[in-house]
C-alpha atoms as a PDB file:
ATOM      1  CA  MET A   1     105.673 115.906 111.868  1.00  0.00           C
ATOM      2  CA  GLU A   2     107.642 112.686 112.347  1.00  0.00           C
ATOM      3  CA  ASN A   3     111.205 113.176 113.591  1.00  0.00           C
ATOM      4  CA  LYS A   4     113.724 112.081 111.001  1.00  0.00           C
ATOM      5  CA  LEU A   5     116.442 109.657 111.990  1.00  0.00           C
ATOM      6  CA  LYS A   6     119.824 111.400 111.908  1.00  0.00           C
ATOM      7  CA  LEU A   7     122.132 109.427 109.666  1.00  0.00           C
ATOM      8  CA  TYR A   8     125.808 109.538 108.925  1.00  0.00           C
ATOM      9  CA  GLY A   9     126.040 110.436 105.254  1.00  0.00           C
ATOM     10  CA  PHE A  10     123.924 108.845 102.522  1.00  0.00           C
ATOM     11  CA  ASN A  11     121.068 106.439 103.286  1.00  0.00           C
ATOM     12  CA  ASN A  12     122.108 103.232 101.497  1.00  0.00           C
ATOM     13  CA  LEU A  13     118.936 101.225 102.171  1.00  0.00           C
ATOM     14  CA  THR A  14     117.231  99.740  99.110  1.00  0.00           C
ATOM     15  CA  LYS A  15     113.438  99.387  99.388  1.00  0.00           C
ATOM     16  CA  SER A  16     111.463  97.222  96.979  1.00  0.00           C
ATOM     17  CA  LEU A  17     107.677  96.979  96.688  1.00  0.00           C
ATOM     18  CA  SER A  18     105.968  94.389  94.504  1.00  0.00           C
ATOM     19  CA  PHE A  19     102.253  95.190  94.080  1.00  0.00           C
ATOM     20  CA  ASN A  20     100.032  92.726  92.204  1.00  0.00           C
ATOM     21  CA  ILE A  21      96.282  92.828  91.552  1.00  0.00           C
ATOM     22  CA  TYR A  22      93.802  90.499  89.874  1.00  0.00           C
ATOM     23  CA  ASP A  23      90.426  91.514  88.472  1.00  0.00           C
ATOM     24  CA  ILE A  24      88.120  88.566  87.722  1.00  0.00           C
ATOM     25  CA  CYS A  25      85.250  88.847  85.222  1.00  0.00           C
ATOM     26  CA  TYR A  26      82.570  86.600  83.716  1.00  0.00           C
ATOM     27  CA  ALA A  27      82.307  86.847  79.929  1.00  0.00           C
ATOM     28  CA  LYS A  28      79.820  84.237  78.691  1.00  0.00           C
ATOM     29  CA  GLY A  29      81.144  83.505  75.195  1.00  0.00           C
ATOM     30  CA  GLU A  30      84.311  83.665  73.141  1.00  0.00           C
ATOM     31  CA  ARG A  31      83.209  86.892  71.483  1.00  0.00           C
ATOM     32  CA  GLU A  32      82.496  88.536  74.845  1.00  0.00           C
ATOM     33  CA  GLN A  33      85.839  87.310  76.171  1.00  0.00           C
ATOM     34  CA  LYS A  34      87.712  88.794  73.228  1.00  0.00           C
ATOM     35  CA  ASP A  35      85.748  92.033  73.660  1.00  0.00           C
ATOM     36  CA  TYR A  36      86.761  92.050  77.340  1.00  0.00           C
ATOM     37  CA  ILE A  37      90.436  91.719  76.409  1.00  0.00           C
ATOM     38  CA  ALA A  38      90.065  94.561  73.892  1.00  0.00           C
ATOM     39  CA  TYR A  39      88.355  96.701  76.541  1.00  0.00           C
ATOM     40  CA  ILE A  40      91.143  96.044  79.071  1.00  0.00           C
ATOM     41  CA  ASP A  41      93.817  96.799  76.493  1.00  0.00           C
ATOM     42  CA  GLU A  42      92.147 100.121  75.776  1.00  0.00           C
ATOM     43  CA  GLN A  43      91.539 101.038  79.419  1.00  0.00           C
ATOM     44  CA  TYR A  44      95.020 100.081  80.586  1.00  0.00           C
ATOM     45  CA  ASN A  45      97.203 100.796  77.580  1.00  0.00           C
ATOM     46  CA  SER A  46     100.807 101.929  78.026  1.00  0.00           C
ATOM     47  CA  GLU A  47      99.828 105.610  77.842  1.00  0.00           C
ATOM     48  CA  ARG A  48      97.447 105.390  80.800  1.00  0.00           C
ATOM     49  CA  LEU A  49      99.819 103.158  82.754  1.00  0.00           C
ATOM     50  CA  THR A  50     102.555 105.744  82.243  1.00  0.00           C
ATOM     51  CA  GLY A  51     100.303 108.364  83.809  1.00  0.00           C
ATOM     52  CA  ILE A  52      99.685 106.127  86.837  1.00  0.00           C
ATOM     53  CA  LEU A  53     103.407 105.547  87.356  1.00  0.00           C
ATOM     54  CA  GLN A  54     104.251 109.226  86.905  1.00  0.00           C
ATOM     55  CA  GLN A  55     101.703 110.145  89.590  1.00  0.00           C
ATOM     56  CA  LEU A  56     103.173 107.454  91.861  1.00  0.00           C
ATOM     57  CA  THR A  57     106.623 108.934  91.307  1.00  0.00           C
ATOM     58  CA  LYS A  58     105.384 112.391  92.309  1.00  0.00           C
ATOM     59  CA  MET A  59     103.802 110.968  95.469  1.00  0.00           C
ATOM     60  CA  ILE A  60     107.094 109.527  96.691  1.00  0.00           C
ATOM     61  CA  GLY A  61     108.969 112.715  95.841  1.00  0.00           C
ATOM     62  CA  ALA A  62     111.133 111.220  93.095  1.00  0.00           C
ATOM     63  CA  THR A  63     112.117 112.573  89.694  1.00  0.00           C
ATOM     64  CA  VAL A  64     111.545 110.710  86.429  1.00  0.00           C
ATOM     65  CA  LEU A  65     114.760 110.356  84.441  1.00  0.00           C
ATOM     66  CA  SER A  66     113.571 108.120  81.617  1.00  0.00           C
ATOM     67  CA  VAL A  67     110.336 106.499  80.369  1.00  0.00           C
ATOM     68  CA  SER A  68     110.065 103.348  78.272  1.00  0.00           C
ATOM     69  CA  LYS A  69     106.622 102.011  77.285  1.00  0.00           C
ATOM     70  CA  GLN A  70     105.282  99.304  75.012  1.00  0.00           C
ATOM     71  CA  ASP A  71     101.911  97.821  74.006  1.00  0.00           C
ATOM     72  CA  TYR A  72     101.870  94.188  72.892  1.00  0.00           C
ATOM     73  CA  GLU A  73     100.015  92.067  70.350  1.00  0.00           C
ATOM     74  CA  PRO A  74      97.688  90.294  70.983  1.00  0.00           C
ATOM     75  CA  GLN A  75      97.366  91.929  74.429  1.00  0.00           C
ATOM     76  CA  GLY A  76      99.161  93.502  77.374  1.00  0.00           C
ATOM     77  CA  ALA A  77     101.400  96.490  78.039  1.00  0.00           C
ATOM     78  CA  SER A  78     104.586  97.383  79.913  1.00  0.00           C
ATOM     79  CA  VAL A  79     106.062 100.641  81.227  1.00  0.00           C
ATOM     80  CA  THR A  80     109.410 101.289  82.935  1.00  0.00           C
ATOM     81  CA  LEU A  81     110.455 104.545  84.635  1.00  0.00           C
ATOM     82  CA  LEU A  82     113.972 105.213  85.864  1.00  0.00           C
ATOM     83  CA  ILE A  83     113.792 107.538  88.864  1.00  0.00           C
ATOM     84  CA  ALA A  84     115.978 109.451  91.314  1.00  0.00           C
ATOM     85  CA  GLU A  85     115.309 111.196  94.633  1.00  0.00           C
ATOM     86  CA  GLU A  86     115.983 114.511  92.933  1.00  0.00           C
ATOM     87  CA  ASP A  87     116.856 115.694  89.442  1.00  0.00           C
ATOM     88  CA  MET A  88     120.594 115.035  89.547  1.00  0.00           C
ATOM     89  CA  ARG A  89     121.060 116.260  85.972  1.00  0.00           C
ATOM     90  CA  ASN A  90     120.789 119.905  87.031  1.00  0.00           C
ATOM     91  CA  GLY A  91     124.060 121.730  87.292  1.00  0.00           C
ATOM     92  CA  ILE A  92     126.460 118.792  87.082  1.00  0.00           C
ATOM     93  CA  GLY A  93     127.294 119.055  83.401  1.00  0.00           C
ATOM     94  CA  ILE A  94     126.921 115.440  82.254  1.00  0.00           C
ATOM     95  CA  ALA A  95     124.656 113.869  79.688  1.00  0.00           C
ATOM     96  CA  PRO A  96     121.243 112.496  80.779  1.00  0.00           C
ATOM     97  CA  GLU A  97     122.051 109.034  79.416  1.00  0.00           C
ATOM     98  CA  THR A  98     125.066 108.870  81.738  1.00  0.00           C
ATOM     99  CA  VAL A  99     122.876 109.607  84.754  1.00  0.00           C
ATOM    100  CA  VAL A 100     120.309 107.006  83.702  1.00  0.00           C
ATOM    101  CA  ALA A 101     123.018 104.361  83.464  1.00  0.00           C
ATOM    102  CA  HIS A 102     124.068 105.024  87.054  1.00  0.00           C
ATOM    103  CA  LEU A 103     120.559 105.303  88.508  1.00  0.00           C
ATOM    104  CA  ASP A 104     118.938 102.197  87.102  1.00  0.00           C
ATOM    105  CA  LYS A 105     118.799 100.721  90.635  1.00  0.00           C
ATOM    106  CA  SER A 106     115.863 103.079  91.284  1.00  0.00           C
ATOM    107  CA  HIS A 107     112.938 102.317  89.004  1.00  0.00           C
ATOM    108  CA  VAL A 108     109.205 101.764  88.659  1.00  0.00           C
ATOM    109  CA  THR A 109     107.740  99.160  86.298  1.00  0.00           C
ATOM    110  CA  VAL A 110     104.273  97.901  85.389  1.00  0.00           C
ATOM    111  CA  HIS A 111     103.187  94.908  83.313  1.00  0.00           C
ATOM    112  CA  THR A 112      99.642  93.782  82.458  1.00  0.00           C
ATOM    113  CA  TYR A 113      98.442  90.240  81.750  1.00  0.00           C
ATOM    114  CA  PRO A 114      94.853  90.024  80.382  1.00  0.00           C
ATOM    115  CA  GLU A 115      93.716  86.462  79.674  1.00  0.00           C
ATOM    116  CA  PHE A 116      90.628  84.251  79.429  1.00  0.00           C
ATOM    117  CA  HIS A 117      89.765  80.569  79.513  1.00  0.00           C
ATOM    118  CA  PRO A 118      87.110  79.640  76.915  1.00  0.00           C
ATOM    119  CA  GLU A 119      85.874  76.587  78.841  1.00  0.00           C
ATOM    120  CA  THR A 120      85.039  78.441  82.063  1.00  0.00           C
ATOM    121  CA  SER A 121      83.865  81.847  80.741  1.00  0.00           C
ATOM    122  CA  ILE A 122      86.211  83.414  83.297  1.00  0.00           C
ATOM    123  CA  ALA A 123      88.481  86.276  82.198  1.00  0.00           C
ATOM    124  CA  THR A 124      91.317  87.537  84.376  1.00  0.00           C
ATOM    125  CA  PHE A 125      93.216  90.812  84.327  1.00  0.00           C
ATOM    126  CA  ARG A 126      96.497  90.871  86.270  1.00  0.00           C
ATOM    127  CA  VAL A 127      98.710  93.889  86.911  1.00  0.00           C
ATOM    128  CA  ASP A 128     102.232  93.744  88.356  1.00  0.00           C
ATOM    129  CA  ILE A 129     103.842  96.947  89.627  1.00  0.00           C
ATOM    130  CA  ASP A 130     107.368  96.964  91.044  1.00  0.00           C
ATOM    131  CA  VAL A 131     108.958  99.955  92.740  1.00  0.00           C
ATOM    132  CA  SER A 132     112.628  99.905  93.729  1.00  0.00           C
ATOM    133  CA  THR A 133     114.071 102.931  95.503  1.00  0.00           C
ATOM    134  CA  CYS A 134     117.200 103.906  97.386  1.00  0.00           C
ATOM    135  CA  GLY A 135     117.641 106.216 100.354  1.00  0.00           C
ATOM    136  CA  GLU A 136     114.775 107.872 102.207  1.00  0.00           C
ATOM    137  CA  ILE A 137     112.111 107.286  99.549  1.00  0.00           C
ATOM    138  CA  THR A 138     109.525 104.635 100.530  1.00  0.00           C
ATOM    139  CA  PRO A 139     106.795 103.484  98.142  1.00  0.00           C
ATOM    140  CA  LEU A 140     104.391 102.230 100.853  1.00  0.00           C
ATOM    141  CA  SER A 141     102.594 105.583 101.031  1.00  0.00           C
ATOM    142  CA  THR A 142     101.270 104.992  97.494  1.00  0.00           C
ATOM    143  CA  LEU A 143      99.305 101.817  98.261  1.00  0.00           C
ATOM    144  CA  ASP A 144      95.886 103.489  98.575  1.00  0.00           C
ATOM    145  CA  TYR A 145      96.468 105.248  95.262  1.00  0.00           C
ATOM    146  CA  LEU A 146      97.469 102.003  93.546  1.00  0.00           C
ATOM    147  CA  ILE A 147      94.508 100.057  94.936  1.00  0.00           C
ATOM    148  CA  GLY A 148      92.163 102.835  93.799  1.00  0.00           C
ATOM    149  CA  SER A 149      93.667 102.870  90.294  1.00  0.00           C
ATOM    150  CA  PHE A 150      92.457  99.349  89.488  1.00  0.00           C
ATOM    151  CA  ASP A 151      89.452  97.111  90.113  1.00  0.00           C
ATOM    152  CA  SER A 152      91.073  94.728  92.572  1.00  0.00           C
ATOM    153  CA  ASP A 153      89.522  91.422  93.631  1.00  0.00           C
ATOM    154  CA  ILE A 154      92.840  90.036  94.847  1.00  0.00           C
ATOM    155  CA  ILE A 155      95.866  92.021  95.957  1.00  0.00           C
ATOM    156  CA  THR A 156      99.284  90.685  96.891  1.00  0.00           C
ATOM    157  CA  MET A 157     102.083  92.904  98.165  1.00  0.00           C
ATOM    158  CA  ASP A 158     105.707  92.173  98.995  1.00  0.00           C
ATOM    159  CA  TYR A 159     108.008  94.718 100.618  1.00  0.00           C
ATOM    160  CA  ARG A 160     111.679  94.179 101.336  1.00  0.00           C
ATOM    161  CA  VAL A 161     114.392  96.442 102.739  1.00  0.00           C
ATOM    162  CA  ARG A 162     117.965  95.459 101.882  1.00  0.00           C
ATOM    163  CA  GLY A 163     121.397  96.747 102.770  1.00  0.00           C
ATOM    164  CA  PHE A 164     122.144  99.008 105.704  1.00  0.00           C
ATOM    165  CA  THR A 165     122.991 102.591 106.572  1.00  0.00           C
ATOM    166  CA  ARG A 166     124.466 104.103 109.747  1.00  0.00           C
ATOM    167  CA  ASP A 167     123.307 106.560 112.352  1.00  0.00           C
ATOM    168  CA  ILE A 168     125.463 109.490 113.434  1.00  0.00           C
ATOM    169  CA  ASP A 169     127.286 107.259 115.940  1.00  0.00           C
ATOM    170  CA  GLY A 170     128.185 104.703 113.271  1.00  0.00           C
ATOM    171  CA  LYS A 171     125.671 102.041 114.353  1.00  0.00           C
ATOM    172  CA  LYS A 172     124.299  99.942 111.472  1.00  0.00           C
ATOM    173  CA  ILE A 173     120.593 100.481 110.669  1.00  0.00           C
ATOM    174  CA  PHE A 174     118.819  97.809 108.621  1.00  0.00           C
ATOM    175  CA  LEU A 175     115.311  99.356 108.743  1.00  0.00           C
ATOM    176  CA  ASP A 176     114.714 103.098 109.044  1.00  0.00           C
ATOM    177  CA  GLU A 177     110.924 102.960 109.504  1.00  0.00           C
ATOM    178  CA  GLY A 178     108.769 101.477 112.253  1.00  0.00           C
ATOM    179  CA  LEU A 179     107.184  98.847 110.015  1.00  0.00           C
ATOM    180  CA  THR A 180     105.304  95.849 111.403  1.00  0.00           C
ATOM    181  CA  SER A 181     102.747  95.236 108.619  1.00  0.00           C
ATOM    182  CA  ILE A 182     102.012  96.514 105.123  1.00  0.00           C
ATOM    183  CA  GLN A 183      98.380  96.827 106.257  1.00  0.00           C
ATOM    184  CA  ASN A 184      99.364  99.831 108.383  1.00  0.00           C
ATOM    185  CA  TYR A 185      99.746 101.814 105.151  1.00  0.00           C
ATOM    186  CA  ILE A 186      96.300 100.961 103.757  1.00  0.00           C
ATOM    187  CA  ASP A 187      93.143 102.933 104.549  1.00  0.00           C
ATOM    188  CA  LYS A 188      90.930 101.169 107.099  1.00  0.00           C
ATOM    189  CA  LYS A 189      87.846 101.544 104.893  1.00  0.00           C
ATOM    190  CA  THR A 190      89.684  99.696 102.137  1.00  0.00           C
ATOM    191  CA  LEU A 191      90.775  96.938 104.508  1.00  0.00           C
ATOM    192  CA  GLU A 192      87.162  96.418 105.620  1.00  0.00           C
ATOM    193  CA  LYS A 193      86.328  95.213 102.097  1.00  0.00           C
ATOM    194  CA  TYR A 194      88.965  92.470 102.126  1.00  0.00           C
ATOM    195  CA  ASP A 195      90.135  89.446 104.062  1.00  0.00           C
ATOM    196  CA  ALA A 196      93.821  90.146 104.649  1.00  0.00           C
ATOM    197  CA  VAL A 197      96.663  87.828 105.673  1.00  0.00           C
ATOM    198  CA  ASP A 198     100.244  88.712 106.627  1.00  0.00           C
ATOM    199  CA  VAL A 199     103.284  86.467 106.231  1.00  0.00           C
ATOM    200  CA  ASN A 200     106.280  88.449 107.506  1.00  0.00           C
ATOM    201  CA  VAL A 201     109.922  87.533 108.119  1.00  0.00           C
ATOM    202  CA  TYR A 202     110.938  90.295 110.504  1.00  0.00           C
ATOM    203  CA  GLN A 203     114.518  89.049 110.905  1.00  0.00           C
ATOM    204  CA  SER A 204     115.113  89.628 107.194  1.00  0.00           C
ATOM    205  CA  ASN A 205     112.947  92.770 106.829  1.00  0.00           C
ATOM    206  CA  ILE A 206     110.609  90.942 104.431  1.00  0.00           C
ATOM    207  CA  PHE A 207     106.896  91.772 104.596  1.00  0.00           C
ATOM    208  CA  HIS A 208     104.073  90.079 102.680  1.00  0.00           C
ATOM    209  CA  THR A 209     100.339  90.821 102.665  1.00  0.00           C
ATOM    210  CA  LYS A 210      97.618  89.319 100.496  1.00  0.00           C
ATOM    211  CA  MET A 211      93.994  90.447 100.321  1.00  0.00           C
ATOM    212  CA  LEU A 212      90.817  88.816  98.975  1.00  0.00           C
ATOM    213  CA  ILE A 213      87.601  90.745  98.342  1.00  0.00           C
ATOM    214  CA  LYS A 214      84.917  89.688 100.832  1.00  0.00           C
ATOM    215  CA  ASP A 215      81.764  90.188  98.784  1.00  0.00           C
ATOM    216  CA  VAL A 216      81.308  89.276  95.122  1.00  0.00           C
ATOM    217  CA  ASP A 217      78.902  91.808  93.624  1.00  0.00           C
ATOM    218  CA  LEU A 218      77.848  89.963  90.487  1.00  0.00           C
ATOM    219  CA  GLU A 219      76.770  93.134  88.703  1.00  0.00           C
ATOM    220  CA  ASN A 220      80.364  94.399  88.888  1.00  0.00           C
ATOM    221  CA  HIS A 221      81.794  91.149  87.539  1.00  0.00           C
ATOM    222  CA  LEU A 222      79.688  90.663  84.408  1.00  0.00           C
ATOM    223  CA  PHE A 223      80.981  91.874  81.046  1.00  0.00           C
ATOM    224  CA  ASN A 224      78.321  92.927  78.512  1.00  0.00           C
ATOM    225  CA  SER A 225      75.592  91.152  80.489  1.00  0.00           C
ATOM    226  CA  ASP A 226      72.753  92.394  82.687  1.00  0.00           C
ATOM    227  CA  VAL A 227      72.490  90.590  86.009  1.00  0.00           C
ATOM    228  CA  TYR A 228      68.693  91.031  86.024  1.00  0.00           C
ATOM    229  CA  GLU A 229      68.337  89.128  82.744  1.00  0.00           C
ATOM    230  CA  LEU A 230      69.860  86.011  84.310  1.00  0.00           C
ATOM    231  CA  PRO A 231      67.706  83.474  86.173  1.00  0.00           C
ATOM    232  CA  PRO A 232      68.497  83.077  89.904  1.00  0.00           C
ATOM    233  CA  LYS A 233      70.213  79.699  89.523  1.00  0.00           C
ATOM    234  CA  LYS A 234      72.475  81.035  86.758  1.00  0.00           C
ATOM    235  CA  ARG A 235      73.419  83.998  88.943  1.00  0.00           C
ATOM    236  CA  LEU A 236      74.355  81.643  91.771  1.00  0.00           C
ATOM    237  CA  ASP A 237      76.382  79.403  89.469  1.00  0.00           C
ATOM    238  CA  ILE A 238      78.317  82.351  88.042  1.00  0.00           C
ATOM    239  CA  THR A 239      78.940  83.814  91.503  1.00  0.00           C
ATOM    240  CA  ASN A 240      80.234  80.470  92.761  1.00  0.00           C
ATOM    241  CA  SER A 241      82.470  80.112  89.703  1.00  0.00           C
ATOM    242  CA  LEU A 242      83.937  83.587  90.229  1.00  0.00           C
ATOM    243  CA  ARG A 243      84.483  82.876  93.912  1.00  0.00           C
ATOM    244  CA  ARG A 244      86.263  79.612  93.201  1.00  0.00           C
ATOM    245  CA  GLU A 245      88.577  81.347  90.761  1.00  0.00           C
ATOM    246  CA  MET A 246      89.396  84.056  93.310  1.00  0.00           C
ATOM    247  CA  ILE A 247      90.095  81.573  96.107  1.00  0.00           C
ATOM    248  CA  GLU A 248      92.422  79.517  93.919  1.00  0.00           C
ATOM    249  CA  ILE A 249      94.398  82.576  92.851  1.00  0.00           C
ATOM    250  CA  PHE A 250      94.483  83.885  96.427  1.00  0.00           C
ATOM    251  CA  SER A 251      95.696  80.570  97.822  1.00  0.00           C
ATOM    252  CA  GLY A 252      98.038  79.828  94.925  1.00  0.00           C
ATOM    253  CA  ALA A 253      96.693  76.302  94.518  1.00  0.00           C
ATOM    254  CA  ASN A 254      94.047  74.328  92.611  1.00  0.00           C
ATOM    255  CA  VAL A 255      91.881  73.778  95.685  1.00  0.00           C
ATOM    256  CA  PHE A 256      88.767  72.854  93.671  1.00  0.00           C
ATOM    257  CA  ALA A 257      88.521  69.860  91.381  1.00  0.00           C
ATOM    258  CA  ARG A 258      87.446  70.820  87.861  1.00  0.00           C
ATOM    259  CA  GLU A 259      84.555  68.868  86.464  1.00  0.00           C
END
């Protein structure tokens, strides 16, 4: 068991994780693209997203104080959970809404962004999850669970630790974990499937990792189409189109000229 750092009083460090995934799909026509959006909205509605966030909260040892969820028209969903390290409502004789008001600095949120472009037959599903915690709780241990909860072609993660606490001798501590890379918290078998890049600012306790799937398995990226019904050249064209889309999103730039 890892030895805990002995602190003087409360741990005031604030830890924020931003976890973003993109799933890229080929849907050949407008009808298929609309069906894809409907499928995504059903698979990742606010009810299911709430379950994912509640499991995440259990994994980091926090308590859910409040849940707010919403599905949107024409598409998308959002969920927000206010959390605390323990259930501070027990035995202190104040109303739950009072506690929520004072604990809104610790929260978990998720937003979905399904979209398609009719000219390219490419449909994209993006998920943003943000976890902000205070004290000893760290959300990095949930990364494997989050990656496994979605079909992820591209993953970007930002982790920042702000504020400071003190050890028993009064020395300021700006990072209470031996962190050098977000990749250290991801299963090696998962990392083998991706090209991963780190951009870290150690002096400011800011860590960034982005990951791009190495192999495009066309069968897993077709919506309502059978890969074996497509001629070889069409398969290659679709694969190249999917790969271009992934590279542009991964790089954050329009690196390919559109014809």
